[in-house]
Protein backbone atom coordinates (compact mmCIF):
# COMPACT_ATOMS: atom_id res chain seq x y z
CA MET A 1 106.68 60.57 73.49
CA HIS A 2 108.29 59.61 76.79
CA ALA A 3 110.52 57.13 74.98
CA ILE A 4 112.00 59.96 72.95
CA LYS A 5 111.84 62.59 75.58
CA TYR A 6 113.88 60.90 78.13
CA VAL A 7 116.50 58.73 76.47
CA THR A 8 118.51 59.53 79.57
CA SER A 9 117.32 57.26 82.39
CA PHE A 10 114.80 58.89 84.69
CA ILE A 11 116.05 56.76 87.57
CA ALA A 12 119.58 58.06 87.02
CA PHE A 13 118.23 61.59 86.99
CA ILE A 14 116.58 61.19 90.40
CA ALA A 15 119.68 59.67 91.97
CA ILE A 16 122.18 62.09 90.50
CA SER A 17 120.15 65.28 90.99
CA THR A 18 119.81 64.60 94.71
CA THR A 19 123.59 64.37 94.99
CA ALA A 20 124.14 67.40 92.76
CA ASN A 21 121.80 69.61 94.76
CA ALA A 22 123.74 68.73 97.89
CA GLU A 23 127.12 69.37 96.33
CA HIS A 24 126.84 72.54 94.27
CA HIS A 25 127.13 74.91 97.23
CA THR A 26 130.76 74.18 98.13
CA ALA A 27 133.97 76.18 97.96
CA PRO A 28 134.24 78.11 94.72
CA LYS A 29 136.43 76.76 91.96
CA SER A 30 139.52 78.69 90.97
CA GLY A 31 141.44 78.74 87.74
CA LYS A 32 140.10 78.02 84.29
CA PRO A 33 137.10 75.71 84.01
CA GLN A 34 137.57 72.53 82.01
CA LEU A 35 134.37 73.10 80.08
CA VAL A 36 132.39 76.20 79.12
CA VAL A 37 128.73 75.42 78.50
CA ALA A 38 126.91 78.20 76.68
CA ILE A 39 123.16 77.57 76.54
CA SER A 40 120.64 79.52 74.51
CA VAL A 41 116.98 78.77 75.16
CA ASP A 42 115.21 80.05 72.07
CA GLN A 43 112.46 82.61 72.95
CA PHE A 44 113.11 82.34 76.71
CA SER A 45 112.18 85.90 77.53
CA ALA A 46 112.94 87.74 80.75
CA ASP A 47 109.17 87.74 81.25
CA LEU A 48 109.02 83.93 81.18
CA PHE A 49 111.96 83.64 83.55
CA SER A 50 110.32 86.05 85.99
CA GLU A 51 106.87 84.48 85.73
CA TYR A 52 108.00 80.90 86.38
CA ARG A 53 111.10 81.44 88.50
CA SER A 54 109.40 80.56 91.79
CA SER A 55 108.35 77.17 90.39
CA PHE A 56 111.81 76.05 89.27
CA THR A 57 113.28 73.16 91.27
CA GLY A 58 115.84 71.68 88.84
CA GLY A 59 118.38 73.09 86.42
CA LEU A 60 116.93 76.58 86.27
CA LYS A 61 116.79 76.70 90.07
CA ARG A 62 120.50 75.87 90.13
CA LEU A 63 121.29 78.66 87.68
CA SER A 64 119.16 81.06 89.72
CA ASP A 65 121.55 80.43 92.61
CA GLY A 66 124.52 81.73 90.62
CA ALA A 67 125.14 85.17 89.11
CA VAL A 68 121.76 86.39 87.89
CA PHE A 69 121.21 89.26 85.46
CA PRO A 70 117.43 89.30 85.02
CA SER A 71 117.48 92.37 82.75
CA GLY A 72 119.63 91.18 79.90
CA TYR A 73 119.00 92.64 76.47
CA GLN A 74 119.26 91.52 72.91
CA SER A 75 119.57 95.22 72.31
CA HIS A 76 118.97 95.38 68.55
CA ALA A 77 115.67 95.81 66.67
CA ALA A 78 115.79 92.61 64.59
CA THR A 79 114.90 90.28 67.48
CA GLU A 80 115.08 87.04 65.52
CA THR A 81 116.89 83.75 66.06
CA CYS A 82 119.93 84.28 63.85
CA PRO A 83 120.81 87.85 64.92
CA GLY A 84 120.28 86.97 68.56
CA HIS A 85 122.52 83.92 68.45
CA SER A 86 125.19 85.87 66.60
CA THR A 87 125.64 88.16 69.62
CA ILE A 88 126.07 85.52 72.31
CA MET A 89 129.49 84.07 71.53
CA THR A 90 130.97 86.93 69.50
CA GLY A 91 130.48 89.96 71.75
CA VAL A 92 129.31 92.16 68.87
CA HIS A 93 125.99 93.51 67.64
CA PRO A 94 124.32 91.79 64.66
CA GLY A 95 125.09 94.76 62.45
CA ARG A 96 128.80 94.22 63.02
CA ALA A 97 128.47 90.43 62.75
CA GLY A 98 126.64 90.80 59.44
CA ILE A 99 123.62 88.83 60.66
CA ILE A 100 120.87 91.38 60.14
CA ALA A 101 117.90 88.98 60.23
CA ASN A 102 116.97 85.34 59.78
CA ASN A 103 116.51 86.08 56.08
CA TRP A 104 117.27 89.01 53.85
CA ILE A 105 117.03 89.84 50.15
CA ASP A 106 120.04 89.86 47.84
CA LEU A 107 118.93 90.78 44.33
CA SER A 108 122.43 90.18 42.99
CA VAL A 109 122.59 86.52 43.98
CA LYS A 110 122.89 84.22 40.98
CA ARG A 111 119.76 82.14 41.47
CA ASP A 112 116.03 82.62 41.06
CA ASP A 113 115.41 82.60 44.82
CA LYS A 114 116.67 85.99 45.98
CA THR A 115 115.90 85.32 49.63
CA VAL A 116 119.11 84.55 51.52
CA TYR A 117 119.07 82.54 54.72
CA CYS A 118 121.49 83.67 57.42
CA ALA A 119 122.94 80.17 57.83
CA GLU A 120 123.38 79.10 54.21
CA ASP A 121 126.01 79.49 51.51
CA GLU A 122 124.06 80.79 48.54
CA ARG A 123 127.23 80.93 46.44
CA ILE A 124 126.89 77.19 45.82
CA GLU A 125 125.15 76.54 42.51
CA GLY A 126 121.84 74.73 42.52
CA THR A 127 120.83 75.83 46.02
CA SER A 128 117.72 77.65 47.15
CA PHE A 129 116.39 78.57 50.54
CA GLY A 130 112.59 78.50 50.50
CA SER A 131 111.18 79.36 53.93
CA ILE A 132 112.05 78.79 57.58
CA THR A 133 108.44 77.99 58.42
CA ALA A 134 107.81 75.67 55.50
CA GLU A 135 107.68 71.97 56.33
CA THR A 136 109.93 71.34 53.33
CA GLN A 137 112.63 73.99 53.07
CA GLY A 138 114.70 74.73 50.02
CA ASP A 139 117.80 72.79 49.14
CA TYR A 140 120.31 75.02 50.91
CA ILE A 141 123.75 74.19 52.26
CA ALA A 142 124.04 75.06 55.96
CA SER A 143 127.04 77.29 56.66
CA ALA A 144 128.32 80.03 58.96
CA TRP A 145 130.04 81.94 56.18
CA HIS A 146 127.75 84.97 56.61
CA LEU A 147 129.13 85.46 60.14
CA LEU A 148 131.78 88.15 59.73
CA VAL A 149 133.46 87.88 63.14
CA PRO A 150 135.04 85.02 65.14
CA THR A 151 133.26 83.27 67.97
CA LEU A 152 134.72 82.63 71.41
CA GLY A 153 135.31 79.01 70.47
CA GLU A 154 137.28 80.03 67.40
CA ARG A 155 139.35 82.52 69.41
CA LEU A 156 140.09 79.86 72.03
CA LYS A 157 141.28 77.35 69.43
CA LYS A 158 143.75 79.88 68.03
CA ILE A 159 145.59 80.13 71.36
CA SER A 160 144.82 76.60 72.56
CA PRO A 161 144.86 74.12 69.64
CA LYS A 162 143.92 71.22 71.92
CA SER A 163 140.65 72.92 72.89
CA ARG A 164 137.49 71.69 71.19
CA ASN A 165 134.71 73.94 69.87
CA VAL A 166 131.47 71.92 69.80
CA ALA A 167 127.83 72.84 69.23
CA VAL A 168 124.49 71.07 69.16
CA SER A 169 121.07 72.63 68.72
CA GLY A 170 117.54 72.11 67.55
CA LYS A 171 118.22 74.68 64.80
CA ASP A 172 121.13 74.92 62.39
CA ARG A 173 121.31 78.70 62.66
CA ALA A 174 121.63 78.54 66.44
CA ALA A 175 124.50 76.04 66.36
CA LEU A 176 126.33 77.80 63.51
CA MET A 177 126.05 81.32 64.92
CA MET A 178 127.29 80.24 68.37
CA ALA A 179 130.12 78.02 67.16
CA GLY A 180 131.23 79.74 63.94
CA LYS A 181 133.19 78.23 61.07
CA GLU A 182 136.04 76.44 62.87
CA VAL A 183 134.23 73.68 64.73
CA ASP A 184 135.32 70.26 65.93
CA ALA A 185 131.79 68.88 65.99
CA ILE A 186 128.43 70.47 65.23
CA TYR A 187 124.94 69.01 65.02
CA TRP A 188 121.39 70.21 64.57
CA TRP A 189 117.98 68.66 64.04
CA LYS A 190 116.65 68.01 60.56
CA GLY A 191 113.70 65.78 59.75
CA GLU A 192 113.78 63.02 62.35
CA GLY A 193 117.33 63.18 63.66
CA PHE A 194 120.55 65.13 64.07
CA VAL A 195 122.71 66.04 61.08
CA THR A 196 126.00 67.87 60.58
CA LEU A 197 127.85 69.92 57.99
CA LYS A 198 127.93 68.69 54.42
CA GLY A 199 130.93 66.44 53.85
CA ARG A 200 131.30 65.40 57.48
CA ASP A 201 130.44 62.00 58.88
CA ILE A 202 127.96 61.70 61.72
CA ALA A 203 129.70 60.47 64.89
CA PRO A 204 128.76 56.96 66.07
CA ALA A 205 127.31 58.34 69.32
CA ILE A 206 124.93 60.62 67.41
CA SER A 207 124.06 57.86 64.94
CA ALA A 208 123.14 55.62 67.86
CA LEU A 209 120.95 58.36 69.32
CA ASN A 210 119.28 58.94 65.96
CA THR A 211 118.44 55.24 65.82
CA LYS A 212 116.80 55.37 69.25
CA ILE A 213 114.82 58.44 68.24
CA GLY A 214 113.73 56.81 65.00
CA GLU A 215 112.36 53.81 66.87
CA SER A 216 109.81 55.89 68.75
CA ILE A 217 109.28 59.29 67.13
CA ASP A 218 106.27 58.16 65.10
CA LYS A 219 104.60 56.30 67.95
CA ALA A 220 101.59 57.70 69.74
CA SER A 221 102.30 59.35 73.08
CA PRO A 222 99.96 60.33 75.91
CA ALA A 223 99.41 63.79 77.33
CA LEU A 224 102.02 65.01 79.79
CA LYS A 225 101.08 65.40 83.42
CA ILE A 226 99.94 68.94 84.14
CA PRO A 227 102.02 70.51 86.95
CA ALA A 228 99.99 72.06 89.75
CA GLN A 229 101.13 75.57 88.87
CA CYS A 230 99.79 75.11 85.33
CA ALA A 231 96.18 74.28 86.20
CA ALA A 232 95.07 77.92 86.12
CA ARG A 233 96.51 78.33 82.62
CA ASN A 234 94.50 75.43 81.18
CA ASN A 235 92.10 77.60 79.19
CA LYS A 236 91.10 77.25 75.56
CA ILE A 237 91.63 80.32 73.38
CA VAL A 238 89.77 80.25 70.08
CA ILE A 239 91.66 81.74 67.14
CA ASN A 240 89.21 80.81 64.41
CA ASP A 241 86.72 78.04 63.65
CA LYS A 242 89.58 75.61 62.95
CA GLN A 243 92.21 76.60 65.52
CA SER A 244 92.43 76.95 69.27
CA VAL A 245 95.26 76.86 71.80
CA GLY A 246 95.74 76.95 75.54
CA ASP A 247 94.64 73.48 76.64
CA TYR A 248 97.05 71.10 74.91
CA ALA A 249 99.30 68.79 76.95
CA PHE A 250 101.45 67.47 74.09
CA GLN A 251 99.63 64.20 73.40
CA ARG A 252 100.46 62.93 69.91
CA PRO A 253 98.72 60.41 67.69
CA GLU A 254 100.68 57.77 65.83
CA GLY A 255 102.53 59.09 62.79
CA ALA A 256 102.70 62.70 64.01
CA SER A 257 106.47 63.12 64.16
CA ARG A 258 106.19 66.40 62.25
CA ILE A 259 104.89 68.14 65.39
CA PHE A 260 107.62 66.73 67.65
CA ARG A 261 109.69 69.93 67.48
CA ALA A 262 106.92 71.86 69.24
CA SER A 263 107.09 69.71 72.35
CA PRO A 264 109.28 69.49 75.47
CA GLY A 265 110.70 66.22 74.19
CA PHE A 266 112.58 68.13 71.50
CA ASP A 267 114.75 69.71 74.18
CA GLY A 268 115.09 66.28 75.77
CA VAL A 269 116.71 64.72 72.72
CA THR A 270 118.89 67.81 72.18
CA VAL A 271 120.22 67.41 75.72
CA ASP A 272 120.80 63.73 74.96
CA ALA A 273 122.81 64.70 71.87
CA ALA A 274 124.92 67.10 73.91
CA LEU A 275 125.61 64.48 76.55
CA ALA A 276 126.48 61.94 73.87
CA LEU A 277 129.13 64.35 72.55
CA VAL A 278 130.44 65.13 76.04
CA LYS A 279 130.94 61.44 76.73
CA SER A 280 132.21 60.30 73.35
CA MET A 281 134.60 63.24 72.91
CA LYS A 282 135.45 63.43 76.64
CA LEU A 283 134.74 67.13 76.64
CA GLY A 284 136.02 68.93 79.70
CA GLN A 285 138.24 66.00 80.63
CA GLY A 286 141.51 66.95 78.94
CA ASP A 287 144.34 69.39 79.56
CA ALA A 288 142.68 72.22 77.63
CA THR A 289 139.38 74.02 78.13
CA ASP A 290 136.60 72.99 75.75
CA ILE A 291 133.50 74.92 74.71
CA LEU A 292 130.07 73.38 74.21
CA SER A 293 127.32 75.58 72.78
CA LEU A 294 123.85 74.17 73.35
CA GLY A 295 120.76 75.54 71.63
CA LEU A 296 117.40 74.43 73.07
CA SER A 297 114.72 75.27 70.53
CA ALA A 298 111.46 73.79 71.86
CA THR A 299 110.42 76.94 73.75
CA ASP A 300 110.46 78.86 70.46
CA TYR A 301 108.46 76.29 68.51
CA ILE A 302 105.95 76.07 71.36
CA GLY A 303 105.73 79.87 71.58
CA HIS A 304 105.06 80.13 67.86
CA SER A 305 102.54 77.29 67.81
CA PHE A 306 100.65 77.96 71.04
CA GLY A 307 101.69 81.36 72.38
CA THR A 308 103.62 82.26 75.51
CA ALA A 309 100.92 82.35 78.20
CA GLY A 310 98.93 79.11 78.04
CA LEU A 311 99.09 75.59 79.39
CA GLU A 312 101.57 74.59 76.69
CA MET A 313 104.23 77.10 77.73
CA CYS A 314 103.67 76.40 81.42
CA ILE A 315 104.35 72.69 80.88
CA GLN A 316 107.36 73.55 78.75
CA MET A 317 108.87 75.70 81.51
CA SER A 318 108.57 72.80 83.95
CA GLU A 319 110.08 70.36 81.46
CA LEU A 320 112.89 72.76 80.49
CA ASP A 321 113.79 72.97 84.17
CA ARG A 322 113.80 69.17 84.36
CA ASN A 323 115.78 68.64 81.14
CA LEU A 324 118.46 71.07 82.31
CA ASP A 325 118.69 69.22 85.62
CA VAL A 326 119.28 65.99 83.72
CA PHE A 327 122.05 67.69 81.78
CA PHE A 328 123.82 69.29 84.73
CA SER A 329 123.49 66.18 86.88
CA ASP A 330 125.17 64.10 84.21
CA LEU A 331 128.07 66.57 83.99
CA ASP A 332 128.36 66.45 87.78
CA ALA A 333 128.52 62.66 87.70
CA GLN A 334 131.46 62.86 85.29
CA ASN A 335 133.27 65.16 87.75
CA ILE A 336 133.74 67.88 85.14
CA ASP A 337 134.65 71.38 86.29
CA TYR A 338 132.30 73.42 84.14
CA VAL A 339 130.89 76.91 84.00
CA VAL A 340 127.42 77.50 82.58
CA MET A 341 125.94 80.52 80.90
CA LEU A 342 122.26 80.53 79.93
CA THR A 343 120.44 83.20 77.97
CA ALA A 344 118.09 83.55 75.00
CA ASP A 345 118.30 84.79 71.44
CA HIS A 346 115.18 86.94 71.85
CA GLY A 347 111.97 87.21 73.85
CA GLY A 348 108.47 86.65 72.59
CA HIS A 349 104.95 88.01 72.41
CA ASP A 350 101.71 86.14 73.05
CA LEU A 351 98.94 85.74 70.49
CA PRO A 352 96.56 88.70 70.17
CA GLU A 353 93.43 86.63 70.78
CA ARG A 354 94.60 85.92 74.34
CA LEU A 355 96.20 89.31 74.92
CA LYS A 356 92.86 90.99 74.28
CA THR A 357 91.43 89.09 77.26
CA GLN A 358 94.37 90.06 79.45
CA GLY A 359 94.42 93.84 79.41
CA VAL A 360 95.81 94.52 75.92
CA PRO A 361 92.73 95.58 73.92
CA ASP A 362 94.84 96.96 71.04
CA ALA A 363 96.50 93.60 70.33
CA GLN A 364 95.90 92.70 66.70
CA ARG A 365 97.14 90.74 63.70
CA ILE A 366 98.88 92.41 60.79
CA ASP A 367 96.91 93.77 57.87
CA PRO A 368 97.58 91.24 55.08
CA LYS A 369 97.80 94.13 52.58
CA LEU A 370 100.89 95.48 54.32
CA ASN A 371 103.44 93.73 52.13
CA ALA A 372 106.05 94.61 49.51
CA LYS A 373 104.13 93.17 46.55
CA ASP A 374 100.87 95.05 47.12
CA ILE A 375 102.54 98.32 48.08
CA GLY A 376 104.88 98.09 45.10
CA ALA A 377 101.90 97.61 42.78
CA GLN A 378 100.24 100.72 44.22
CA ILE A 379 103.38 102.74 43.64
CA ARG A 380 103.82 101.48 40.09
CA GLN A 381 100.32 102.72 39.27
CA SER A 382 100.54 106.04 41.13
CA LEU A 383 103.96 106.94 39.71
CA SER A 384 103.29 105.38 36.28
CA VAL A 385 106.46 103.27 36.46
CA SER A 386 106.79 101.03 33.41
CA GLY A 387 107.62 97.32 33.48
CA ASP A 388 106.31 94.34 35.41
CA GLU A 389 109.24 93.51 37.72
CA PRO A 390 108.46 94.05 41.44
CA LEU A 391 109.48 97.48 42.68
CA LEU A 392 109.85 96.36 46.29
CA TYR A 393 111.18 93.21 47.90
CA ALA A 394 110.92 92.09 51.53
CA ASP A 395 110.85 88.85 53.51
CA GLY A 396 107.76 89.94 55.45
CA PRO A 397 105.60 92.91 56.43
CA PHE A 398 108.26 94.39 58.76
CA GLY A 399 112.02 94.73 58.75
CA ASP A 400 114.13 95.27 55.64
CA TYR A 401 112.61 96.52 52.38
CA TYR A 402 114.68 96.56 49.19
CA LEU A 403 114.23 98.55 45.96
CA SER A 404 114.53 96.97 42.52
CA LEU A 405 118.02 97.13 41.05
CA SER A 406 116.59 97.86 37.61
CA LEU A 407 115.42 101.36 38.53
CA ASP A 408 117.40 104.39 37.41
CA ALA A 409 118.56 106.74 40.16
CA LYS A 410 115.78 109.30 39.69
CA THR A 411 112.99 106.72 39.62
CA LYS A 412 114.50 104.83 42.49
CA ALA A 413 114.46 107.96 44.66
CA LYS A 414 110.80 108.59 43.82
CA VAL A 415 109.79 105.00 44.50
CA LYS A 416 111.67 104.97 47.79
CA ALA A 417 110.10 108.21 48.99
CA GLU A 418 106.60 107.09 48.04
CA ALA A 419 107.07 103.65 49.57
CA MET A 420 108.28 105.10 52.85
CA ARG A 421 105.38 107.59 52.87
CA LEU A 422 102.74 104.98 52.13
CA ILE A 423 104.02 102.47 54.67
CA ALA A 424 104.53 105.11 57.37
CA SER A 425 100.90 106.17 56.96
CA HIS A 426 99.63 102.68 57.77
CA PRO A 427 97.96 102.63 61.23
CA GLN A 428 99.93 99.52 62.30
CA VAL A 429 103.33 101.01 61.45
CA HIS A 430 105.25 102.88 64.14
CA ALA A 431 108.25 104.05 62.12
CA VAL A 432 109.98 103.75 58.76
CA LEU A 433 113.73 104.35 58.96
CA ASP A 434 115.91 105.30 56.01
CA GLY A 435 118.92 103.03 55.54
CA VAL A 436 121.05 106.04 54.57
CA ASP A 437 120.37 107.62 57.95
CA LEU A 438 121.12 104.39 59.82
CA ALA A 439 124.39 103.92 57.97
CA ALA A 440 125.51 107.38 59.07
CA MET A 441 124.92 106.63 62.76
CA GLU A 442 127.54 105.39 65.19
CA MET A 443 126.88 102.08 66.91
CA PRO A 444 124.80 103.01 69.98
CA ARG A 445 126.13 103.03 73.53
CA GLY A 446 124.68 103.65 76.96
CA PRO A 447 121.73 102.09 78.80
CA VAL A 448 119.94 99.92 76.23
CA GLU A 449 116.50 100.49 77.70
CA GLU A 450 116.90 104.18 76.81
CA TRP A 451 117.89 103.66 73.17
CA SER A 452 115.76 105.25 70.49
CA LEU A 453 114.16 103.03 67.86
CA ALA A 454 116.73 104.26 65.36
CA GLU A 455 119.55 103.20 67.69
CA ARG A 456 117.99 99.77 68.10
CA ALA A 457 117.73 99.45 64.34
CA ARG A 458 121.31 100.64 63.89
CA ALA A 459 122.56 97.79 66.09
CA SER A 460 121.26 95.26 63.56
CA TYR A 461 122.04 97.27 60.42
CA HIS A 462 124.79 96.28 57.98
CA PRO A 463 125.33 98.52 54.92
CA ASP A 464 125.93 95.63 52.51
CA ARG A 465 123.01 93.47 53.62
CA SER A 466 120.31 95.63 55.15
CA GLY A 467 117.39 97.10 53.23
CA ASP A 468 116.96 100.51 51.66
CA PHE A 469 114.60 101.23 54.53
CA ILE A 470 113.44 99.47 57.69
CA VAL A 471 109.80 99.11 58.79
CA LEU A 472 108.99 98.90 62.52
CA LEU A 473 105.49 97.92 63.62
CA ASP A 474 103.48 99.26 66.54
CA LYS A 475 103.46 97.46 69.87
CA ALA A 476 101.15 94.45 70.16
CA VAL A 477 100.90 93.96 66.38
CA THR A 478 101.51 90.31 65.53
CA PRO A 479 102.99 90.09 62.01
CA ILE A 480 101.13 86.87 61.20
CA ALA A 481 97.94 87.54 59.26
CA ASP A 482 97.11 83.93 58.41
CA THR A 483 97.53 81.30 61.14
CA GLY A 484 96.70 78.45 58.78
CA ARG A 485 100.34 77.36 58.52
CA GLY A 486 100.50 76.69 62.25
CA TYR A 487 102.21 79.74 63.73
CA VAL A 488 99.94 81.91 65.90
CA ALA A 489 102.48 84.12 67.74
CA THR A 490 105.98 85.42 67.13
CA HIS A 491 108.73 87.93 67.92
CA GLY A 492 111.00 90.19 65.86
CA SER A 493 109.94 93.62 67.08
CA PRO A 494 112.11 96.41 68.57
CA TRP A 495 109.98 96.44 71.72
CA ASP A 496 111.27 95.24 75.07
CA TYR A 497 109.04 92.17 75.28
CA ASP A 498 111.17 90.84 72.40
CA ARG A 499 114.50 92.36 73.55
CA ARG A 500 114.66 91.40 77.24
CA VAL A 501 116.22 88.04 78.14
CA PRO A 502 117.76 86.58 81.31
CA MET A 503 121.51 86.10 81.57
CA LEU A 504 122.49 83.46 84.13
CA PHE A 505 125.98 82.24 85.08
CA TRP A 506 126.82 79.33 87.35
CA ARG A 507 129.91 77.43 88.49
CA LYS A 508 130.24 75.10 91.42
CA GLY A 509 130.74 77.14 94.56
CA MET A 510 129.96 80.49 92.94
CA SER A 511 128.58 83.10 95.32
CA HIS A 512 125.03 84.04 94.47
CA PHE A 513 124.20 87.61 93.56
CA GLU A 514 121.59 89.35 91.46
CA GLN A 515 122.21 92.51 89.46
CA PRO A 516 118.94 94.09 88.24
CA LEU A 517 120.50 96.79 86.06
CA SER A 518 120.51 96.27 82.32
CA VAL A 519 123.26 94.28 80.63
CA GLU A 520 123.53 92.98 77.06
CA THR A 521 124.07 89.60 75.45
CA ILE A 522 127.13 91.11 73.76
CA ASP A 523 128.65 91.11 77.27
CA ILE A 524 128.57 87.30 77.45
CA ALA A 525 131.55 86.49 75.22
CA PRO A 526 133.92 88.95 76.98
CA THR A 527 132.75 87.63 80.35
CA LEU A 528 133.40 83.99 79.47
CA ALA A 529 136.62 84.91 77.66
CA ALA A 530 138.04 86.37 80.85
CA LEU A 531 137.36 83.10 82.70
CA ILE A 532 139.37 81.04 80.21
CA GLY A 533 142.20 83.45 79.42
CA VAL A 534 141.08 84.61 75.99
CA ASP A 535 141.71 88.26 75.19
CA ILE A 536 139.15 89.94 72.94
CA PRO A 537 140.63 93.34 72.07
CA ALA A 538 138.38 96.28 72.82
CA ASP A 539 138.18 97.29 69.16
CA GLN A 540 136.91 93.80 68.26
CA ARG A 541 133.93 93.72 70.58
CA ASP A 542 130.91 95.82 71.43
CA GLY A 543 130.29 94.27 74.85
CA ARG A 544 132.12 94.38 78.17
CA CYS A 545 133.21 91.83 80.75
CA LEU A 546 130.82 91.30 83.69
CA ASP A 547 132.47 90.53 87.03
CA LEU A 548 131.00 87.25 88.30
CA ASP A 549 132.87 87.06 91.61
CA GLY A 550 130.15 88.62 93.74
CA GLY A 551 132.77 89.67 96.28
CA ALA A 552 136.14 91.36 96.58
CA GLY A 553 137.59 89.44 93.64
CA ASP A 554 137.17 90.30 89.99
CA THR A 555 136.75 87.63 87.32
CA CYS A 556 137.45 90.22 84.64
CA GLN A 557 141.04 90.71 85.78
């Protein structure tokens, strides 16, 4: 694994990081930065940042010396990858961006598969989505066309045609939601290498990297060294007679490339791809400001596969810190004036089997009978509804539920009322919210930690895409009944463990300060826009500019 993990020379890392650590506390830069680096670490919750902050010595330590907002919020209820990423570089809530979830149902789409993926173009004939978690997904065409608002990179290019809008990520939906439709270069991981939009050629620098990855990805790799701070977390947690987590150090047998994504090395090659683009495109080295959006996805895959509180996540936090130091040190060596923002698309929740041993006795897995198919069948029998078409559609046990389009108005009303009643009565369900009521609400304002559940749901509600009603589960209910497919923990709830994320800003010479009051990820785009002279009109954003000066100055002016 080390051959893939660290394509960038380890020796270079040691030499450069020593210099960088000595240099990044100098006089603050003035004027526009040459390069904006927007980093999203998938599932990097505020809880993880707080828990491991004292152990950071590399890239995350550097960011902790800048402007720190430890109480950032992905303020909406649908705390999933696509909605979260849609907020970061647009400055609007997912409901306004049109990205209500990773997947939703569109019964009018002209294909058998009615599940729509947030980052596909289902209008193209012959496509299908399948499943995010499936090893072999459907034959979809990756696209940002569902994103209804421009990103910061797109706004910058309109006023500065020489600027480049570039993105690279472990996930297509992360890259597409942060960069948007008008991109100069965009890459994400698929299979055993990085790919790009259909119809575009892969750049030579990325092709060369893919070749290096291909030479080693299937080779066996030893366990990673366990950092001292991780020893206490090296405890096996038994999930069932076939699965356990908590004591894995990312050793891989030969031919196991399929599990590479759920390892720190996945972030390593994503950083390598970003650096390859920086060098080959000379990002941040021209007359105009460029934007690079970087999505690091390993934390999310590790969180899903092993949970958030074991040895696996502890090692990942150490390696994330190291991978970021490699990245920043390389940018320093190229003498690029860059500003960095790091946040996350959502938080995460540990697996119930471990939570029960750590003071959360009510932690539990979802009742497998809580699903649209079974509940719809109950309603068909109780209301004597004729036909055999499903009455209810949903992508999972929580979130958006949709009613069959074949129902007449009277029957539809009865089915909806009975479905909401039945689901609300389930002991694992906290609330069922009517889409009609959410549509009538204004977009919420004020301190996000004080929002009602309805306000959180409103922030990710879009009238043309959201369900007829929204199901919200109780706290500590993990919506994965069967762990046989590999995922043992997840996110997606309206609760703060899934909403709270760090928001970190750094530029060479920036004065350090920490603001503990709540802010939102929708504040990021206006904040970065002010640094590079891009005006986002107030009526085109939900967020506000955060002053990063830390003194008498004001970066928002």
